[in-house]
Amino acid sequence: MKRYFILSFLFIFMMQGVFTAVNAQTTAQKKKKKEDVIVMAQFKGGQEALVDYLLQNTRYPVEAMELEQTGEVVVEFVVERNGMITNARVIKAVAPSLDQEALRVVTNMPNWEPGTKNGLRMRSQLTIPINFKVIREHGKYMDSETADDGIKKKSKRKRKLKNKGVGKEF
């Protein structure tokens, strides 16, 4: 009787080890499935094209220029599955006229390449900083792109914008 009890106890103990091993294996398989391949949404032409678009299409509001209002406006938006920009909003404001201009530029952007998850298109939420800086030369107010040394400042601003963009999928 004691032998039977010990053998059945060992058998149950060994079976528990088998079930634990099977459980660990299925947990590993589940974790492997969670490792999705995600590709972030991006502007057609890449970061350089995005910076060019922002530099060419952003107009410094005259009233903000005269008041020498400067700063970084951060805009958050959603890139839909078809690449359209929706739900744009300012998450870091500077001045009403600069905020409106940043929103205008972002909402008028051409369609993006949508983000993908395992090859399927998905919505992506992104943020973009747009910097406004006023330079006063010869009694005139100019934004940093129209100053005499605007080419140097423009390329510096391009690099700064390029390195600041962030995004997330949802």
N, C-alpha and C. Protein backbone atom coordinates (compact mmCIF):
# COMPACT_ATOMS: atom_id res chain seq x y z
N MET A 1 0.82 -1.18 0.00
CA MET A 1 0.00 0.00 0.00
C MET A 1 0.87 1.25 0.00
N LYS A 2 1.95 1.22 0.82
CA LYS A 2 2.83 2.36 0.87
C LYS A 2 3.51 2.57 -0.48
N ARG A 3 3.89 1.45 -1.12
CA ARG A 3 4.53 1.56 -2.44
C ARG A 3 3.58 2.20 -3.45
N TYR A 4 2.37 1.78 -3.43
CA TYR A 4 1.37 2.31 -4.35
C TYR A 4 1.20 3.81 -4.13
N PHE A 5 1.15 4.22 -2.88
CA PHE A 5 1.00 5.63 -2.53
C PHE A 5 2.22 6.43 -3.00
N ILE A 6 3.43 5.92 -2.77
CA ILE A 6 4.65 6.59 -3.18
C ILE A 6 4.73 6.66 -4.70
N LEU A 7 4.41 5.59 -5.39
CA LEU A 7 4.43 5.59 -6.85
C LEU A 7 3.41 6.57 -7.42
N SER A 8 2.21 6.58 -6.87
CA SER A 8 1.20 7.51 -7.39
C SER A 8 1.60 8.95 -7.08
N PHE A 9 2.24 9.18 -5.91
CA PHE A 9 2.72 10.51 -5.58
C PHE A 9 3.80 10.95 -6.57
N LEU A 10 4.76 10.05 -6.88
CA LEU A 10 5.80 10.35 -7.85
C LEU A 10 5.22 10.58 -9.24
N PHE A 11 4.23 9.77 -9.60
CA PHE A 11 3.60 9.92 -10.91
C PHE A 11 2.92 11.29 -11.02
N ILE A 12 2.19 11.68 -9.98
CA ILE A 12 1.52 12.99 -9.98
C ILE A 12 2.56 14.10 -10.01
N PHE A 13 3.63 13.97 -9.24
CA PHE A 13 4.68 14.97 -9.21
C PHE A 13 5.34 15.11 -10.59
N MET A 14 5.62 13.98 -11.27
CA MET A 14 6.22 14.01 -12.61
C MET A 14 5.25 14.62 -13.61
N MET A 15 3.97 14.32 -13.49
CA MET A 15 2.97 14.89 -14.40
C MET A 15 2.87 16.40 -14.22
N GLN A 16 3.02 16.86 -12.98
CA GLN A 16 3.01 18.30 -12.74
C GLN A 16 4.17 18.96 -13.49
N GLY A 17 5.33 18.32 -13.46
CA GLY A 17 6.49 18.85 -14.18
C GLY A 17 6.23 18.90 -15.67
N VAL A 18 5.55 17.89 -16.22
CA VAL A 18 5.22 17.88 -17.65
C VAL A 18 4.26 19.01 -17.96
N PHE A 19 3.23 19.18 -17.12
CA PHE A 19 2.27 20.26 -17.35
C PHE A 19 2.93 21.63 -17.26
N THR A 20 3.85 21.77 -16.32
CA THR A 20 4.57 23.03 -16.18
C THR A 20 5.40 23.31 -17.43
N ALA A 21 6.07 22.29 -17.96
CA ALA A 21 6.88 22.45 -19.17
C ALA A 21 5.98 22.82 -20.36
N VAL A 22 4.82 22.17 -20.47
CA VAL A 22 3.89 22.48 -21.56
C VAL A 22 3.38 23.90 -21.41
N ASN A 23 3.05 24.31 -20.17
CA ASN A 23 2.59 25.66 -19.90
C ASN A 23 3.65 26.69 -20.28
N ALA A 24 4.90 26.45 -19.92
CA ALA A 24 5.99 27.36 -20.24
C ALA A 24 6.16 27.48 -21.75
N GLN A 25 5.97 26.36 -22.46
CA GLN A 25 6.11 26.39 -23.91
C GLN A 25 5.00 27.22 -24.54
N THR A 26 3.77 27.08 -24.09
CA THR A 26 2.68 27.87 -24.67
C THR A 26 2.83 29.34 -24.32
N THR A 27 3.37 29.66 -23.15
CA THR A 27 3.63 31.05 -22.79
C THR A 27 4.68 31.65 -23.71
N ALA A 28 5.72 30.89 -24.03
CA ALA A 28 6.75 31.36 -24.96
C ALA A 28 6.16 31.58 -26.35
N GLN A 29 5.27 30.71 -26.78
CA GLN A 29 4.63 30.88 -28.09
C GLN A 29 3.77 32.13 -28.10
N LYS A 30 3.05 32.40 -27.00
CA LYS A 30 2.22 33.60 -26.92
C LYS A 30 3.09 34.85 -26.99
N LYS A 31 4.22 34.83 -26.27
CA LYS A 31 5.12 35.99 -26.30
C LYS A 31 5.66 36.22 -27.70
N LYS A 32 5.95 35.16 -28.41
CA LYS A 32 6.47 35.28 -29.76
C LYS A 32 5.44 35.94 -30.67
N LYS A 33 4.17 35.61 -30.48
CA LYS A 33 3.11 36.20 -31.28
C LYS A 33 2.97 37.69 -31.00
N LYS A 34 3.32 38.11 -29.77
CA LYS A 34 3.20 39.52 -29.40
C LYS A 34 4.29 40.38 -30.03
N GLU A 35 5.34 39.78 -30.53
CA GLU A 35 6.42 40.53 -31.16
C GLU A 35 6.01 40.92 -32.57
N ASP A 36 5.19 41.96 -32.66
CA ASP A 36 4.67 42.40 -33.94
C ASP A 36 5.69 43.28 -34.66
N VAL A 37 5.62 43.26 -35.97
CA VAL A 37 6.47 44.13 -36.77
C VAL A 37 5.69 45.41 -37.05
N ILE A 38 6.16 46.51 -36.46
CA ILE A 38 5.47 47.79 -36.59
C ILE A 38 6.35 48.74 -37.37
N VAL A 39 5.76 49.37 -38.39
CA VAL A 39 6.45 50.40 -39.18
C VAL A 39 5.68 51.70 -38.97
N MET A 40 6.39 52.73 -38.49
CA MET A 40 5.76 54.01 -38.20
C MET A 40 5.31 54.70 -39.49
N ALA A 41 4.26 55.50 -39.36
CA ALA A 41 3.81 56.33 -40.47
C ALA A 41 4.91 57.34 -40.78
N GLN A 42 5.04 57.68 -42.07
CA GLN A 42 6.05 58.66 -42.42
C GLN A 42 5.59 59.52 -43.59
N PHE A 43 6.13 60.71 -43.62
CA PHE A 43 5.83 61.66 -44.69
C PHE A 43 6.40 61.10 -45.98
N LYS A 44 5.65 61.24 -47.09
CA LYS A 44 6.16 60.72 -48.37
C LYS A 44 7.43 61.48 -48.73
N GLY A 45 8.51 60.74 -48.89
CA GLY A 45 9.80 61.35 -49.16
C GLY A 45 10.69 61.37 -47.94
N GLY A 46 10.16 60.99 -46.78
CA GLY A 46 10.96 60.89 -45.56
C GLY A 46 11.04 62.18 -44.77
N GLN A 47 11.90 62.17 -43.76
CA GLN A 47 12.05 63.30 -42.85
C GLN A 47 12.52 64.57 -43.56
N GLU A 48 13.44 64.39 -44.50
CA GLU A 48 13.97 65.55 -45.23
C GLU A 48 12.85 66.25 -46.00
N ALA A 49 11.99 65.49 -46.64
CA ALA A 49 10.86 66.05 -47.38
C ALA A 49 9.87 66.73 -46.44
N LEU A 50 9.67 66.18 -45.25
CA LEU A 50 8.78 66.79 -44.26
C LEU A 50 9.33 68.15 -43.82
N VAL A 51 10.61 68.20 -43.53
CA VAL A 51 11.22 69.46 -43.12
C VAL A 51 11.13 70.48 -44.24
N ASP A 52 11.38 70.07 -45.49
CA ASP A 52 11.23 70.98 -46.63
C ASP A 52 9.81 71.51 -46.73
N TYR A 53 8.83 70.61 -46.57
CA TYR A 53 7.42 71.02 -46.63
C TYR A 53 7.13 72.07 -45.56
N LEU A 54 7.56 71.81 -44.33
CA LEU A 54 7.30 72.75 -43.24
C LEU A 54 7.96 74.10 -43.49
N LEU A 55 9.20 74.08 -43.97
CA LEU A 55 9.91 75.33 -44.22
C LEU A 55 9.29 76.13 -45.37
N GLN A 56 8.81 75.46 -46.38
CA GLN A 56 8.24 76.14 -47.54
C GLN A 56 6.82 76.64 -47.29
N ASN A 57 6.08 75.98 -46.41
CA ASN A 57 4.67 76.30 -46.26
C ASN A 57 4.31 77.05 -44.99
N THR A 58 5.22 77.17 -44.06
CA THR A 58 4.94 77.91 -42.83
C THR A 58 5.16 79.39 -43.07
N ARG A 59 4.15 80.18 -42.77
CA ARG A 59 4.23 81.65 -42.93
C ARG A 59 4.18 82.28 -41.55
N TYR A 60 5.19 83.07 -41.24
CA TYR A 60 5.24 83.72 -39.93
C TYR A 60 4.16 84.80 -39.89
N PRO A 61 3.21 84.71 -38.97
CA PRO A 61 2.16 85.74 -38.89
C PRO A 61 2.79 87.12 -38.63
N VAL A 62 2.31 88.14 -39.35
CA VAL A 62 2.86 89.49 -39.26
C VAL A 62 2.76 90.03 -37.84
N GLU A 63 1.60 89.84 -37.21
CA GLU A 63 1.43 90.35 -35.85
C GLU A 63 2.39 89.69 -34.86
N ALA A 64 2.64 88.42 -35.03
CA ALA A 64 3.59 87.73 -34.16
C ALA A 64 5.01 88.21 -34.42
N MET A 65 5.31 88.51 -35.68
CA MET A 65 6.63 89.00 -36.03
C MET A 65 6.86 90.38 -35.42
N GLU A 66 5.84 91.26 -35.51
CA GLU A 66 5.97 92.60 -34.95
C GLU A 66 6.10 92.58 -33.43
N LEU A 67 5.42 91.64 -32.78
CA LEU A 67 5.50 91.50 -31.33
C LEU A 67 6.70 90.67 -30.90
N GLU A 68 7.48 90.22 -31.89
CA GLU A 68 8.66 89.38 -31.68
C GLU A 68 8.33 88.15 -30.84
N GLN A 69 7.20 87.53 -31.15
CA GLN A 69 6.82 86.30 -30.48
C GLN A 69 7.57 85.14 -31.12
N THR A 70 8.23 84.36 -30.30
CA THR A 70 8.99 83.21 -30.79
C THR A 70 8.69 82.01 -29.90
N GLY A 71 9.05 80.85 -30.39
CA GLY A 71 8.91 79.65 -29.58
C GLY A 71 8.62 78.42 -30.42
N GLU A 72 8.44 77.32 -29.72
CA GLU A 72 8.20 76.04 -30.37
C GLU A 72 6.76 75.60 -30.11
N VAL A 73 5.99 75.47 -31.19
CA VAL A 73 4.62 74.97 -31.11
C VAL A 73 4.68 73.48 -31.42
N VAL A 74 4.11 72.66 -30.55
CA VAL A 74 4.10 71.22 -30.77
C VAL A 74 2.68 70.82 -31.14
N VAL A 75 2.56 70.17 -32.31
CA VAL A 75 1.25 69.75 -32.83
C VAL A 75 1.19 68.23 -32.84
N GLU A 76 0.08 67.71 -32.33
CA GLU A 76 -0.18 66.28 -32.34
C GLU A 76 -1.26 66.01 -33.37
N PHE A 77 -1.13 64.92 -34.11
CA PHE A 77 -2.13 64.59 -35.13
C PHE A 77 -2.15 63.08 -35.35
N VAL A 78 -3.17 62.64 -36.08
CA VAL A 78 -3.32 61.21 -36.39
C VAL A 78 -3.18 61.02 -37.90
N VAL A 79 -2.38 60.02 -38.28
CA VAL A 79 -2.30 59.60 -39.68
C VAL A 79 -3.23 58.39 -39.80
N GLU A 80 -4.28 58.57 -40.57
CA GLU A 80 -5.28 57.49 -40.73
C GLU A 80 -4.72 56.37 -41.61
N ARG A 81 -5.49 55.30 -41.73
CA ARG A 81 -5.08 54.15 -42.54
C ARG A 81 -4.89 54.50 -44.01
N ASN A 82 -5.60 55.53 -44.47
CA ASN A 82 -5.46 55.95 -45.86
C ASN A 82 -4.42 57.06 -46.03
N GLY A 83 -3.74 57.45 -44.95
CA GLY A 83 -2.68 58.45 -45.01
C GLY A 83 -3.13 59.87 -44.72
N MET A 84 -4.44 60.10 -44.58
CA MET A 84 -4.94 61.45 -44.31
C MET A 84 -4.59 61.89 -42.89
N ILE A 85 -4.43 63.21 -42.72
CA ILE A 85 -4.15 63.80 -41.42
C ILE A 85 -5.48 64.20 -40.78
N THR A 86 -5.70 63.74 -39.54
CA THR A 86 -6.91 64.10 -38.80
C THR A 86 -6.55 64.44 -37.36
N ASN A 87 -7.51 65.00 -36.65
CA ASN A 87 -7.41 65.27 -35.21
C ASN A 87 -6.17 66.07 -34.83
N ALA A 88 -5.79 67.03 -35.64
CA ALA A 88 -4.64 67.87 -35.31
C ALA A 88 -5.00 68.81 -34.18
N ARG A 89 -4.09 68.92 -33.21
CA ARG A 89 -4.31 69.82 -32.08
C ARG A 89 -2.96 70.26 -31.53
N VAL A 90 -2.94 71.46 -30.98
CA VAL A 90 -1.72 71.99 -30.37
C VAL A 90 -1.62 71.43 -28.96
N ILE A 91 -0.48 70.82 -28.66
CA ILE A 91 -0.28 70.30 -27.30
C ILE A 91 0.73 71.15 -26.52
N LYS A 92 1.46 72.01 -27.22
CA LYS A 92 2.33 72.99 -26.56
C LYS A 92 2.17 74.31 -27.31
N ALA A 93 1.49 75.24 -26.69
CA ALA A 93 1.17 76.52 -27.34
C ALA A 93 2.22 77.57 -27.03
N VAL A 94 2.31 78.57 -27.94
CA VAL A 94 3.21 79.71 -27.75
C VAL A 94 2.40 81.00 -27.75
N ALA A 95 1.73 81.27 -28.84
CA ALA A 95 0.88 82.45 -29.00
C ALA A 95 -0.24 82.06 -29.97
N PRO A 96 -1.43 82.62 -29.82
CA PRO A 96 -2.56 82.21 -30.66
C PRO A 96 -2.27 82.23 -32.17
N SER A 97 -1.63 83.28 -32.66
CA SER A 97 -1.38 83.35 -34.10
C SER A 97 -0.36 82.30 -34.56
N LEU A 98 0.65 82.03 -33.73
CA LEU A 98 1.64 81.01 -34.09
C LEU A 98 1.02 79.61 -34.00
N ASP A 99 0.17 79.41 -32.99
CA ASP A 99 -0.51 78.12 -32.85
C ASP A 99 -1.41 77.85 -34.05
N GLN A 100 -2.16 78.87 -34.47
CA GLN A 100 -3.04 78.71 -35.64
C GLN A 100 -2.25 78.40 -36.90
N GLU A 101 -1.12 79.05 -37.07
CA GLU A 101 -0.30 78.80 -38.26
C GLU A 101 0.26 77.38 -38.25
N ALA A 102 0.71 76.93 -37.10
CA ALA A 102 1.23 75.56 -37.01
C ALA A 102 0.11 74.56 -37.32
N LEU A 103 -1.08 74.78 -36.80
CA LEU A 103 -2.22 73.90 -37.10
C LEU A 103 -2.56 73.92 -38.58
N ARG A 104 -2.54 75.12 -39.18
CA ARG A 104 -2.86 75.25 -40.61
C ARG A 104 -1.89 74.43 -41.46
N VAL A 105 -0.61 74.55 -41.15
CA VAL A 105 0.40 73.84 -41.93
C VAL A 105 0.24 72.33 -41.79
N VAL A 106 -0.01 71.87 -40.58
CA VAL A 106 -0.14 70.42 -40.35
C VAL A 106 -1.41 69.88 -41.00
N THR A 107 -2.53 70.56 -40.86
CA THR A 107 -3.78 70.06 -41.44
C THR A 107 -3.76 70.08 -42.96
N ASN A 108 -2.94 70.94 -43.56
CA ASN A 108 -2.85 71.01 -45.02
C ASN A 108 -1.76 70.11 -45.61
N MET A 109 -1.09 69.33 -44.77
CA MET A 109 -0.04 68.44 -45.27
C MET A 109 -0.64 67.42 -46.25
N PRO A 110 0.13 67.04 -47.26
CA PRO A 110 -0.34 65.97 -48.14
C PRO A 110 -0.40 64.65 -47.37
N ASN A 111 -1.09 63.68 -47.95
CA ASN A 111 -1.22 62.37 -47.30
C ASN A 111 0.14 61.76 -47.02
N TRP A 112 0.22 61.04 -45.91
CA TRP A 112 1.42 60.35 -45.48
C TRP A 112 1.35 58.89 -45.90
N GLU A 113 2.47 58.20 -45.78
CA GLU A 113 2.47 56.74 -45.89
C GLU A 113 2.01 56.24 -44.53
N PRO A 114 0.89 55.50 -44.47
CA PRO A 114 0.39 55.08 -43.16
C PRO A 114 1.30 54.07 -42.49
N GLY A 115 1.19 53.99 -41.17
CA GLY A 115 1.93 53.00 -40.42
C GLY A 115 1.36 51.61 -40.67
N THR A 116 2.17 50.59 -40.42
CA THR A 116 1.69 49.22 -40.59
C THR A 116 2.07 48.39 -39.37
N LYS A 117 1.26 47.37 -39.14
CA LYS A 117 1.53 46.40 -38.08
C LYS A 117 1.32 45.03 -38.70
N ASN A 118 2.40 44.28 -38.80
CA ASN A 118 2.38 42.97 -39.47
C ASN A 118 1.84 43.07 -40.89
N GLY A 119 2.19 44.15 -41.58
CA GLY A 119 1.78 44.33 -42.98
C GLY A 119 0.42 44.95 -43.17
N LEU A 120 -0.35 45.15 -42.11
CA LEU A 120 -1.68 45.76 -42.21
C LEU A 120 -1.60 47.23 -41.83
N ARG A 121 -2.29 48.08 -42.60
CA ARG A 121 -2.28 49.51 -42.30
C ARG A 121 -2.96 49.78 -40.97
N MET A 122 -2.42 50.78 -40.26
CA MET A 122 -2.99 51.15 -38.96
C MET A 122 -2.90 52.65 -38.74
N ARG A 123 -3.71 53.14 -37.82
CA ARG A 123 -3.68 54.55 -37.46
C ARG A 123 -2.44 54.82 -36.61
N SER A 124 -1.85 56.00 -36.79
CA SER A 124 -0.66 56.38 -36.02
C SER A 124 -0.86 57.77 -35.46
N GLN A 125 -0.45 57.97 -34.23
CA GLN A 125 -0.50 59.29 -33.61
C GLN A 125 0.92 59.82 -33.55
N LEU A 126 1.12 61.03 -34.08
CA LEU A 126 2.45 61.62 -34.14
C LEU A 126 2.44 63.03 -33.56
N THR A 127 3.62 63.52 -33.22
CA THR A 127 3.78 64.91 -32.79
C THR A 127 4.91 65.54 -33.60
N ILE A 128 4.73 66.81 -33.91
CA ILE A 128 5.76 67.55 -34.67
C ILE A 128 5.98 68.89 -33.99
N PRO A 129 7.25 69.24 -33.73
CA PRO A 129 7.54 70.59 -33.22
C PRO A 129 7.75 71.55 -34.40
N ILE A 130 7.18 72.72 -34.30
CA ILE A 130 7.39 73.75 -35.32
C ILE A 130 7.94 74.98 -34.60
N ASN A 131 9.17 75.36 -34.95
CA ASN A 131 9.85 76.47 -34.29
C ASN A 131 9.63 77.77 -35.04
N PHE A 132 9.34 78.82 -34.28
CA PHE A 132 9.19 80.16 -34.83
C PHE A 132 10.25 81.05 -34.18
N LYS A 133 11.02 81.75 -35.02
CA LYS A 133 12.07 82.62 -34.50
C LYS A 133 12.10 83.89 -35.35
N VAL A 134 12.18 85.05 -34.71
CA VAL A 134 12.20 86.34 -35.40
C VAL A 134 13.60 86.93 -35.29
N ILE A 135 14.07 87.48 -36.41
CA ILE A 135 15.37 88.16 -36.46
C ILE A 135 15.12 89.57 -36.94
N ARG A 136 15.74 90.56 -36.29
CA ARG A 136 15.55 91.96 -36.67
C ARG A 136 16.83 92.44 -37.35
N GLU A 137 16.70 92.83 -38.63
CA GLU A 137 17.85 93.34 -39.39
C GLU A 137 17.45 94.61 -40.13
N HIS A 138 18.27 95.62 -40.04
CA HIS A 138 18.06 96.87 -40.76
C HIS A 138 16.68 97.45 -40.49
N GLY A 139 16.21 97.32 -39.26
CA GLY A 139 14.92 97.89 -38.91
C GLY A 139 13.73 97.07 -39.38
N LYS A 140 13.98 95.94 -40.07
CA LYS A 140 12.88 95.09 -40.55
C LYS A 140 12.87 93.81 -39.74
N TYR A 141 11.67 93.29 -39.58
CA TYR A 141 11.52 91.99 -38.94
C TYR A 141 11.50 90.91 -40.01
N MET A 142 12.24 89.88 -39.78
CA MET A 142 12.27 88.75 -40.71
C MET A 142 12.22 87.47 -39.92
N ASP A 143 11.64 86.44 -40.52
CA ASP A 143 11.76 85.14 -39.85
C ASP A 143 13.15 84.61 -40.17
N SER A 144 13.56 83.57 -39.51
CA SER A 144 14.94 83.10 -39.64
C SER A 144 15.28 82.62 -41.05
N GLU A 145 14.29 82.29 -41.86
CA GLU A 145 14.57 81.80 -43.22
C GLU A 145 14.82 82.94 -44.21
N THR A 146 14.37 84.17 -43.90
CA THR A 146 14.55 85.26 -44.85
C THR A 146 15.69 86.19 -44.46
N ALA A 147 16.39 85.90 -43.39
CA ALA A 147 17.53 86.72 -42.98
C ALA A 147 18.67 86.55 -43.98
N ASP A 148 19.66 87.48 -43.95
CA ASP A 148 20.79 87.43 -44.89
C ASP A 148 21.48 86.08 -44.86
N ASP A 149 21.68 85.52 -43.68
CA ASP A 149 22.35 84.22 -43.59
C ASP A 149 21.30 83.12 -43.41
N GLY A 150 20.15 83.28 -44.05
CA GLY A 150 19.04 82.35 -43.92
C GLY A 150 19.37 80.93 -44.33
N ILE A 151 20.28 80.74 -45.27
CA ILE A 151 20.60 79.39 -45.72
C ILE A 151 21.21 78.59 -44.58
N LYS A 152 22.15 79.20 -43.85
CA LYS A 152 22.75 78.50 -42.72
C LYS A 152 21.71 78.22 -41.64
N LYS A 153 20.89 79.22 -41.34
CA LYS A 153 19.88 79.04 -40.30
C LYS A 153 18.85 78.01 -40.74
N LYS A 154 18.50 78.00 -42.02
CA LYS A 154 17.51 77.06 -42.52
C LYS A 154 18.00 75.63 -42.37
N SER A 155 19.26 75.38 -42.74
CA SER A 155 19.77 74.02 -42.62
C SER A 155 19.90 73.61 -41.16
N LYS A 156 20.24 74.56 -40.28
CA LYS A 156 20.31 74.26 -38.85
C LYS A 156 18.92 73.92 -38.32
N ARG A 157 17.92 74.68 -38.77
CA ARG A 157 16.54 74.43 -38.34
C ARG A 157 16.06 73.09 -38.87
N LYS A 158 16.45 72.75 -40.10
CA LYS A 158 16.09 71.45 -40.67
C LYS A 158 16.60 70.32 -39.80
N ARG A 159 17.87 70.41 -39.41
CA ARG A 159 18.45 69.36 -38.58
C ARG A 159 17.72 69.27 -37.24
N LYS A 160 17.39 70.44 -36.66
CA LYS A 160 16.73 70.46 -35.37
C LYS A 160 15.35 69.81 -35.48
N LEU A 161 14.59 70.17 -36.52
CA LEU A 161 13.27 69.57 -36.72
C LEU A 161 13.37 68.09 -36.99
N LYS A 162 14.35 67.70 -37.78
CA LYS A 162 14.51 66.30 -38.15
C LYS A 162 14.74 65.43 -36.92
N ASN A 163 15.50 65.94 -35.97
CA ASN A 163 15.85 65.15 -34.79
C ASN A 163 14.78 65.18 -33.70
N LYS A 164 13.76 66.05 -33.83
CA LYS A 164 12.80 66.20 -32.76
C LYS A 164 11.49 65.44 -32.98
N GLY A 165 11.17 65.01 -34.19
CA GLY A 165 9.89 64.36 -34.44
C GLY A 165 9.76 63.05 -33.69
N VAL A 166 8.60 62.84 -33.06
CA VAL A 166 8.34 61.60 -32.35
C VAL A 166 6.96 61.10 -32.71
N GLY A 167 6.69 59.83 -32.48
CA GLY A 167 5.38 59.30 -32.79
C GLY A 167 5.09 58.02 -32.03
N LYS A 168 3.84 57.62 -32.05
CA LYS A 168 3.46 56.37 -31.41
C LYS A 168 2.26 55.80 -32.16
N GLU A 169 2.11 54.51 -32.07
CA GLU A 169 1.00 53.80 -32.69
C GLU A 169 -0.10 53.61 -31.65
N PHE A 170 -1.34 53.58 -32.11
CA PHE A 170 -2.43 53.23 -31.19
C PHE A 170 -3.51 52.51 -31.93
